[in-house]
């Protein structure tokens, strides 16, 4: 089962799920750089702005989504 199918909550502080990250990526211009995409996702979802403990998990999710 992929993360997309399970839709786990990745950022607990802001209640951001895998699907929320995917939606943020799909609604932005197509970027090819994970770091730039992270900025877009963070702006749209507010992920990692609480405790920051989800930073690496958000990057992994973005990479998975961008790589299909």
N, C-alpha and C. Protein backbone atom coordinates (compact mmCIF):
# COMPACT_ATOMS: atom_id res chain seq x y z
N UNK A 1 0.85 -1.18 0.00
CA UNK A 1 0.00 0.00 0.00
C UNK A 1 0.89 1.25 0.00
N UNK A 2 0.60 2.18 -0.87
CA UNK A 2 1.37 3.41 -0.93
C UNK A 2 0.85 4.41 0.10
N UNK A 3 1.66 5.42 0.37
CA UNK A 3 1.22 6.47 1.27
C UNK A 3 -0.03 7.15 0.73
N UNK A 4 -0.09 7.30 -0.58
CA UNK A 4 -1.24 7.94 -1.19
C UNK A 4 -2.52 7.18 -0.85
N UNK A 5 -2.46 5.86 -0.89
CA UNK A 5 -3.65 5.05 -0.59
C UNK A 5 -4.03 5.14 0.88
N UNK A 6 -3.05 5.20 1.74
CA UNK A 6 -3.31 5.24 3.18
C UNK A 6 -3.66 6.65 3.66
N UNK A 7 -3.12 7.69 3.00
CA UNK A 7 -3.32 9.09 3.35
C UNK A 7 -3.00 9.40 4.81
N UNK A 8 -1.81 9.05 5.28
CA UNK A 8 -1.47 9.32 6.68
C UNK A 8 -1.29 10.82 6.94
N UNK A 9 -1.52 11.19 8.17
CA UNK A 9 -1.23 12.56 8.60
C UNK A 9 0.28 12.66 8.77
N UNK A 10 0.89 13.61 8.07
CA UNK A 10 2.34 13.76 8.11
C UNK A 10 2.73 14.84 9.11
N UNK A 11 2.06 15.98 9.04
CA UNK A 11 2.33 17.09 9.96
C UNK A 11 1.21 17.12 10.99
N UNK A 12 1.52 16.66 12.20
CA UNK A 12 0.51 16.56 13.23
C UNK A 12 0.10 17.93 13.78
N UNK A 13 1.03 18.85 13.84
CA UNK A 13 0.71 20.19 14.37
C UNK A 13 -0.33 20.90 13.52
N UNK A 14 -0.20 20.78 12.20
CA UNK A 14 -1.09 21.49 11.27
C UNK A 14 -2.11 20.56 10.61
N UNK A 15 -2.11 19.28 11.04
CA UNK A 15 -3.05 18.28 10.52
C UNK A 15 -2.97 18.12 9.00
N UNK A 16 -1.76 18.09 8.47
CA UNK A 16 -1.53 17.98 7.03
C UNK A 16 -1.32 16.50 6.68
N UNK A 17 -2.12 16.02 5.74
CA UNK A 17 -2.02 14.63 5.31
C UNK A 17 -1.20 14.52 4.03
N UNK A 18 -0.90 13.29 3.66
CA UNK A 18 -0.19 13.02 2.41
C UNK A 18 -0.97 13.60 1.24
N UNK A 19 -2.27 13.41 1.25
CA UNK A 19 -3.11 13.91 0.16
C UNK A 19 -3.10 15.44 0.12
N UNK A 20 -3.01 16.10 1.27
CA UNK A 20 -2.91 17.56 1.31
C UNK A 20 -1.64 18.02 0.60
N UNK A 21 -0.54 17.31 0.85
CA UNK A 21 0.73 17.62 0.18
C UNK A 21 0.58 17.40 -1.32
N UNK A 22 -0.02 16.31 -1.69
CA UNK A 22 -0.23 16.00 -3.10
C UNK A 22 -1.09 17.08 -3.77
N UNK A 23 -2.15 17.49 -3.11
CA UNK A 23 -3.03 18.54 -3.66
C UNK A 23 -2.28 19.85 -3.83
N UNK A 24 -1.43 20.19 -2.87
CA UNK A 24 -0.65 21.43 -2.96
C UNK A 24 0.31 21.37 -4.14
N UNK A 25 0.92 20.23 -4.35
CA UNK A 25 1.85 20.07 -5.48
C UNK A 25 1.08 20.16 -6.80
N UNK A 26 -0.06 19.49 -6.87
CA UNK A 26 -0.83 19.47 -8.11
C UNK A 26 -1.42 20.83 -8.46
N UNK A 27 -1.61 21.69 -7.47
CA UNK A 27 -2.19 23.00 -7.74
C UNK A 27 -1.13 24.07 -8.03
N UNK A 28 0.13 23.70 -7.93
CA UNK A 28 1.19 24.67 -8.20
C UNK A 28 1.74 24.47 -9.60
N UNK A 29 2.52 25.45 -10.03
CA UNK A 29 3.21 25.28 -11.30
C UNK A 29 4.14 24.08 -11.15
N UNK A 30 4.35 23.39 -12.23
CA UNK A 30 5.20 22.20 -12.17
C UNK A 30 6.66 22.61 -11.96
N UNK A 31 7.15 22.28 -10.80
CA UNK A 31 8.53 22.56 -10.46
C UNK A 31 9.30 21.26 -10.47
N UNK A 32 10.58 21.34 -10.70
CA UNK A 32 11.39 20.13 -10.77
C UNK A 32 12.33 19.99 -9.57
N UNK A 33 12.36 20.98 -8.72
CA UNK A 33 13.28 20.98 -7.59
C UNK A 33 12.50 20.74 -6.30
N UNK A 34 12.90 19.73 -5.54
CA UNK A 34 12.20 19.38 -4.31
C UNK A 34 12.21 20.55 -3.32
N UNK A 35 13.31 21.26 -3.22
CA UNK A 35 13.41 22.38 -2.28
C UNK A 35 12.42 23.49 -2.63
N UNK A 36 12.32 23.80 -3.91
CA UNK A 36 11.36 24.83 -4.34
C UNK A 36 9.93 24.34 -4.13
N UNK A 37 9.69 23.09 -4.42
CA UNK A 37 8.35 22.53 -4.22
C UNK A 37 8.00 22.53 -2.74
N UNK A 38 8.99 22.26 -1.88
CA UNK A 38 8.75 22.29 -0.43
C UNK A 38 8.23 23.66 -0.02
N UNK A 39 8.84 24.71 -0.52
CA UNK A 39 8.41 26.07 -0.18
C UNK A 39 6.96 26.30 -0.57
N UNK A 40 6.57 25.81 -1.75
CA UNK A 40 5.20 25.95 -2.22
C UNK A 40 4.23 25.17 -1.31
N UNK A 41 4.59 23.94 -0.99
CA UNK A 41 3.74 23.11 -0.14
C UNK A 41 3.62 23.74 1.25
N UNK A 42 4.72 24.22 1.80
CA UNK A 42 4.69 24.84 3.12
C UNK A 42 3.80 26.08 3.12
N UNK A 43 3.90 26.87 2.08
CA UNK A 43 3.07 28.08 1.99
C UNK A 43 1.58 27.73 1.95
N UNK A 44 1.25 26.68 1.21
CA UNK A 44 -0.15 26.31 1.03
C UNK A 44 -0.73 25.54 2.21
N UNK A 45 0.09 24.75 2.90
CA UNK A 45 -0.43 23.89 3.96
C UNK A 45 0.00 24.29 5.37
N UNK A 46 1.02 25.12 5.47
CA UNK A 46 1.61 25.52 6.76
C UNK A 46 2.34 24.36 7.45
N UNK A 47 2.63 23.28 6.70
CA UNK A 47 3.37 22.16 7.28
C UNK A 47 4.75 22.62 7.74
N UNK A 48 5.27 21.98 8.72
CA UNK A 48 6.58 22.22 9.35
C UNK A 48 6.68 23.54 10.10
N UNK A 49 5.59 24.27 10.23
CA UNK A 49 5.66 25.57 10.92
C UNK A 49 5.33 25.46 12.40
N UNK A 50 4.97 24.25 12.86
CA UNK A 50 4.72 24.03 14.28
C UNK A 50 6.03 23.62 14.93
N UNK A 51 6.13 22.35 15.27
CA UNK A 51 7.34 21.86 15.94
C UNK A 51 8.47 21.58 14.95
N UNK A 52 8.14 21.38 13.67
CA UNK A 52 9.15 21.10 12.65
C UNK A 52 9.60 19.66 12.58
N UNK A 53 9.03 18.81 13.40
CA UNK A 53 9.43 17.41 13.44
C UNK A 53 9.09 16.63 12.19
N UNK A 54 8.23 17.17 11.35
CA UNK A 54 7.79 16.46 10.15
C UNK A 54 8.59 16.85 8.91
N UNK A 55 9.57 17.70 9.05
CA UNK A 55 10.32 18.24 7.91
C UNK A 55 10.78 17.15 6.95
N UNK A 56 11.48 16.15 7.46
CA UNK A 56 12.00 15.08 6.60
C UNK A 56 10.88 14.26 5.98
N UNK A 57 9.81 14.02 6.73
CA UNK A 57 8.68 13.25 6.20
C UNK A 57 7.98 14.01 5.07
N UNK A 58 7.90 15.32 5.19
CA UNK A 58 7.30 16.14 4.13
C UNK A 58 8.17 16.07 2.88
N UNK A 59 9.49 16.16 3.06
CA UNK A 59 10.39 16.06 1.90
C UNK A 59 10.28 14.71 1.22
N UNK A 60 10.17 13.65 1.99
CA UNK A 60 9.99 12.32 1.42
C UNK A 60 8.69 12.23 0.64
N UNK A 61 7.62 12.76 1.20
CA UNK A 61 6.33 12.74 0.52
C UNK A 61 6.41 13.52 -0.81
N UNK A 62 7.01 14.69 -0.78
CA UNK A 62 7.15 15.51 -1.98
C UNK A 62 7.96 14.74 -3.04
N UNK A 63 9.04 14.12 -2.63
CA UNK A 63 9.87 13.35 -3.57
C UNK A 63 9.08 12.20 -4.17
N UNK A 64 8.33 11.47 -3.34
CA UNK A 64 7.52 10.36 -3.83
C UNK A 64 6.49 10.85 -4.86
N UNK A 65 5.82 11.94 -4.53
CA UNK A 65 4.77 12.48 -5.41
C UNK A 65 5.37 12.98 -6.71
N UNK A 66 6.48 13.68 -6.63
CA UNK A 66 7.11 14.21 -7.84
C UNK A 66 7.63 13.09 -8.74
N UNK A 67 8.05 11.98 -8.14
CA UNK A 67 8.57 10.86 -8.92
C UNK A 67 7.49 9.90 -9.38
N UNK A 68 6.26 10.20 -9.02
CA UNK A 68 5.13 9.39 -9.49
C UNK A 68 5.01 8.10 -8.80
